[in-house]
Amino acid sequence: MNIKKFRRISRGSSLLLKIFAIFSITLVIYGLYTILFGDGNFWFTYKGPSIPLFSMGGSSGSVGITDAEEKLASMIIVPFTVVVFSFILLKGSQIFTWLGKGETPFSEKFANAIKRLSLVLIIFDLLVPIIFYSVLSLISVDGYNYTIGFGSAFIIGIILFIVSEIFKYGIELQSLADETV
């Protein structure tokens, strides 16, 4: 692949990530507006981690956690998660913008940006279920539920973390080669 094509693809990827981030924020704003001022038929939903590691729940009576309590917890957590998700998309867009401008991926700045992005993905994917189920259990009158696990964002974060370390190793090898010459 030639350099012009790579830069064009990088700029296109940057634009696409920005569009997704703006679209996500717009949907959340629309959703919150509809929930607060509309007919009430629009609700956010939260699906727990796709790979649950630990799950427990119960109730002191026969009611347990109601749909209304789940909807309220989702209305609290989902906008927060979409804002963080949009931040991740914008940071990814920034990385592609750097590449589109011709900056080398073999720099400390690039490797550290990928590493920070990977850590945000990992921490985000681990904390969101804990926060959601904590909020749900606080809201619930008669029940509690906890599910701890991870999803695809965690796995992508691990892969990006490894890629950032590979880039750092490549930078070290390049500096050693430059010193040798």
Protein backbone atom coordinates (compact mmCIF):
# COMPACT_ATOMS: atom_id res chain seq x y z
CA MET A 1 0.00 0.00 0.00
CA ASN A 2 1.43 3.36 -0.92
CA ILE A 3 1.65 6.28 1.49
CA LYS A 4 -1.03 8.42 -0.18
CA LYS A 5 -3.55 5.60 0.00
CA PHE A 6 -2.68 4.92 3.65
CA ARG A 7 -3.11 8.60 4.55
CA ARG A 8 -6.43 8.76 2.69
CA ILE A 9 -7.70 5.66 4.52
CA SER A 10 -6.51 7.13 7.84
CA ARG A 11 -8.32 10.43 7.19
CA GLY A 12 -11.46 8.53 6.17
CA SER A 13 -11.28 6.39 9.32
CA SER A 14 -10.86 9.52 11.41
CA LEU A 15 -13.92 11.11 9.86
CA LEU A 16 -15.97 7.93 10.29
CA LEU A 17 -15.10 7.69 14.00
CA LYS A 18 -16.04 11.36 14.50
CA ILE A 19 -19.38 10.78 12.77
CA PHE A 20 -20.10 7.76 15.01
CA ALA A 21 -19.21 9.79 18.13
CA ILE A 22 -21.47 12.69 17.14
CA PHE A 23 -24.26 10.29 16.17
CA SER A 24 -24.00 8.50 19.53
CA ILE A 25 -24.16 11.74 21.52
CA THR A 26 -27.09 12.94 19.38
CA LEU A 27 -29.00 9.71 20.07
CA VAL A 28 -28.47 10.04 23.81
CA ILE A 29 -29.62 13.66 23.81
CA TYR A 30 -32.67 12.71 21.75
CA GLY A 31 -33.35 9.76 24.05
CA LEU A 32 -33.10 11.83 27.22
CA TYR A 33 -35.33 14.51 25.71
CA THR A 34 -37.90 11.90 24.68
CA ILE A 35 -37.86 10.24 28.10
CA LEU A 36 -38.14 13.49 30.04
CA PHE A 37 -40.50 15.47 27.79
CA GLY A 38 -42.04 12.92 25.42
CA ASP A 39 -44.65 10.24 25.69
CA GLY A 40 -42.48 7.92 27.77
CA ASN A 41 -42.33 5.05 25.28
CA PHE A 42 -38.59 5.45 24.68
CA TRP A 43 -36.22 3.84 27.18
CA PHE A 44 -32.56 3.02 27.39
CA THR A 45 -31.64 -0.57 28.07
CA TYR A 46 -28.47 -2.02 29.46
CA LYS A 47 -27.40 -5.53 28.63
CA GLY A 48 -24.90 -6.91 31.10
CA PRO A 49 -21.43 -8.11 30.20
CA SER A 50 -21.30 -10.57 27.33
CA ILE A 51 -18.86 -12.78 29.27
CA PRO A 52 -20.11 -12.90 32.87
CA LEU A 53 -17.59 -14.10 35.43
CA PHE A 54 -19.67 -13.78 38.58
CA SER A 55 -23.37 -13.29 39.12
CA MET A 56 -25.57 -13.14 42.20
CA GLY A 57 -28.91 -11.70 43.12
CA GLY A 58 -31.91 -12.04 45.31
CA SER A 59 -34.73 -10.29 47.09
CA SER A 60 -36.10 -10.05 50.59
CA GLY A 61 -39.68 -10.46 49.35
CA SER A 62 -41.39 -11.82 46.29
CA VAL A 63 -41.12 -8.72 44.07
CA GLY A 64 -37.42 -8.55 43.23
CA ILE A 65 -36.12 -5.99 40.74
CA THR A 66 -38.88 -4.47 38.62
CA ASP A 67 -38.75 -3.29 35.01
CA ALA A 68 -39.23 0.30 36.15
CA GLU A 69 -36.16 0.03 38.38
CA GLU A 70 -34.12 -1.42 35.53
CA LYS A 71 -35.28 1.38 33.21
CA LEU A 72 -34.30 4.02 35.76
CA ALA A 73 -30.87 2.47 36.33
CA SER A 74 -30.38 2.28 32.55
CA MET A 75 -31.40 5.93 32.17
CA ILE A 76 -28.69 6.85 34.69
CA ILE A 77 -25.91 4.63 33.33
CA VAL A 78 -26.40 4.45 29.54
CA PRO A 79 -25.84 8.19 28.85
CA PHE A 80 -22.65 8.02 30.90
CA THR A 81 -21.43 4.98 28.96
CA VAL A 82 -22.23 6.59 25.62
CA VAL A 83 -20.25 9.71 26.60
CA VAL A 84 -17.24 7.54 27.49
CA PHE A 85 -17.72 5.52 24.30
CA SER A 86 -17.82 8.77 22.27
CA PHE A 87 -14.63 9.93 24.01
CA ILE A 88 -12.97 6.65 22.98
CA LEU A 89 -14.15 7.15 19.39
CA LEU A 90 -12.83 10.73 19.33
CA LYS A 91 -9.44 9.63 20.70
CA GLY A 92 -9.31 6.91 18.04
CA SER A 93 -10.19 9.57 15.47
CA GLN A 94 -7.32 11.70 16.74
CA ILE A 95 -4.89 8.81 16.27
CA PHE A 96 -6.06 8.32 12.68
CA THR A 97 -5.80 12.08 12.09
CA TRP A 98 -2.14 11.95 13.14
CA LEU A 99 -1.54 9.13 10.68
CA GLY A 100 -3.46 10.99 7.97
CA LYS A 101 -1.18 14.00 8.44
CA GLY A 102 1.85 11.83 7.87
CA GLU A 103 3.10 11.29 11.42
CA THR A 104 4.89 8.04 11.97
CA PRO A 105 3.25 5.35 14.06
CA PHE A 106 6.68 4.50 15.42
CA SER A 107 6.85 7.31 17.95
CA GLU A 108 6.40 7.47 21.71
CA LYS A 109 3.44 9.82 21.24
CA PHE A 110 1.60 7.30 19.05
CA ALA A 111 2.43 4.28 21.24
CA ASN A 112 1.38 6.11 24.41
CA ALA A 113 -1.89 7.27 22.80
CA ILE A 114 -2.75 3.67 21.89
CA LYS A 115 -1.80 2.51 25.38
CA ARG A 116 -4.01 5.15 27.07
CA LEU A 117 -6.88 4.25 24.76
CA SER A 118 -6.47 0.56 25.59
CA LEU A 119 -6.47 1.26 29.33
CA VAL A 120 -9.65 3.34 29.03
CA LEU A 121 -11.31 0.48 27.14
CA ILE A 122 -10.24 -2.11 29.70
CA ILE A 123 -11.21 -0.08 32.76
CA PHE A 124 -14.45 1.11 31.13
CA ASP A 125 -15.55 -2.41 30.27
CA LEU A 126 -14.79 -3.72 33.76
CA LEU A 127 -16.35 -0.83 35.71
CA VAL A 128 -19.61 -0.27 33.81
CA PRO A 129 -21.30 -3.52 34.95
CA ILE A 130 -20.21 -2.91 38.54
CA ILE A 131 -21.57 0.64 38.47
CA PHE A 132 -24.81 -0.36 36.73
CA TYR A 133 -25.62 -3.19 39.11
CA SER A 134 -24.67 -1.05 42.12
CA VAL A 135 -27.06 1.69 40.97
CA LEU A 136 -29.74 -0.91 40.24
CA SER A 137 -29.37 -2.46 43.68
CA LEU A 138 -29.53 0.97 45.34
CA ILE A 139 -32.68 1.88 43.40
CA SER A 140 -34.41 -1.44 43.97
CA VAL A 141 -36.78 -1.58 46.89
CA ASP A 142 -36.87 -5.34 47.22
CA GLY A 143 -33.93 -6.89 45.42
CA TYR A 144 -30.34 -6.84 44.39
CA ASN A 145 -28.40 -8.16 41.45
CA TYR A 146 -24.70 -8.15 40.62
CA THR A 147 -23.06 -9.47 37.49
CA ILE A 148 -19.35 -8.93 36.99
CA GLY A 149 -17.68 -9.73 33.71
CA PHE A 150 -16.34 -8.26 30.52
CA GLY A 151 -17.15 -7.88 26.86
CA SER A 152 -15.59 -7.09 23.53
CA ALA A 153 -14.25 -3.68 24.66
CA PHE A 154 -12.08 -5.46 27.24
CA ILE A 155 -10.67 -7.83 24.61
CA ILE A 156 -10.05 -4.98 22.16
CA GLY A 157 -8.36 -3.05 24.97
CA ILE A 158 -6.04 -5.98 25.71
CA ILE A 159 -5.16 -6.29 22.01
CA LEU A 160 -4.47 -2.54 21.74
CA PHE A 161 -2.34 -2.68 24.89
CA ILE A 162 -0.23 -5.45 23.34
CA VAL A 163 0.01 -3.50 20.07
CA SER A 164 1.21 -0.41 21.95
CA GLU A 165 3.92 -2.48 23.65
CA ILE A 166 4.95 -3.90 20.26
CA PHE A 167 5.26 -0.34 18.94
CA LYS A 168 7.37 0.63 21.97
CA TYR A 169 9.59 -2.39 21.40
CA GLY A 170 9.93 -1.42 17.73
CA ILE A 171 10.89 2.13 18.77
CA GLU A 172 13.57 0.71 21.08
CA LEU A 173 14.94 -1.51 18.31
CA GLN A 174 14.96 1.44 15.91
CA SER A 175 16.92 3.60 18.38
CA LEU A 176 19.38 0.77 18.99
CA ALA A 177 19.83 0.34 15.23
CA ASP A 178 20.34 4.10 14.81
CA GLU A 179 22.96 4.11 17.58
CA THR A 180 24.76 1.17 16.00
CA VAL A 181 25.00 2.89 12.62
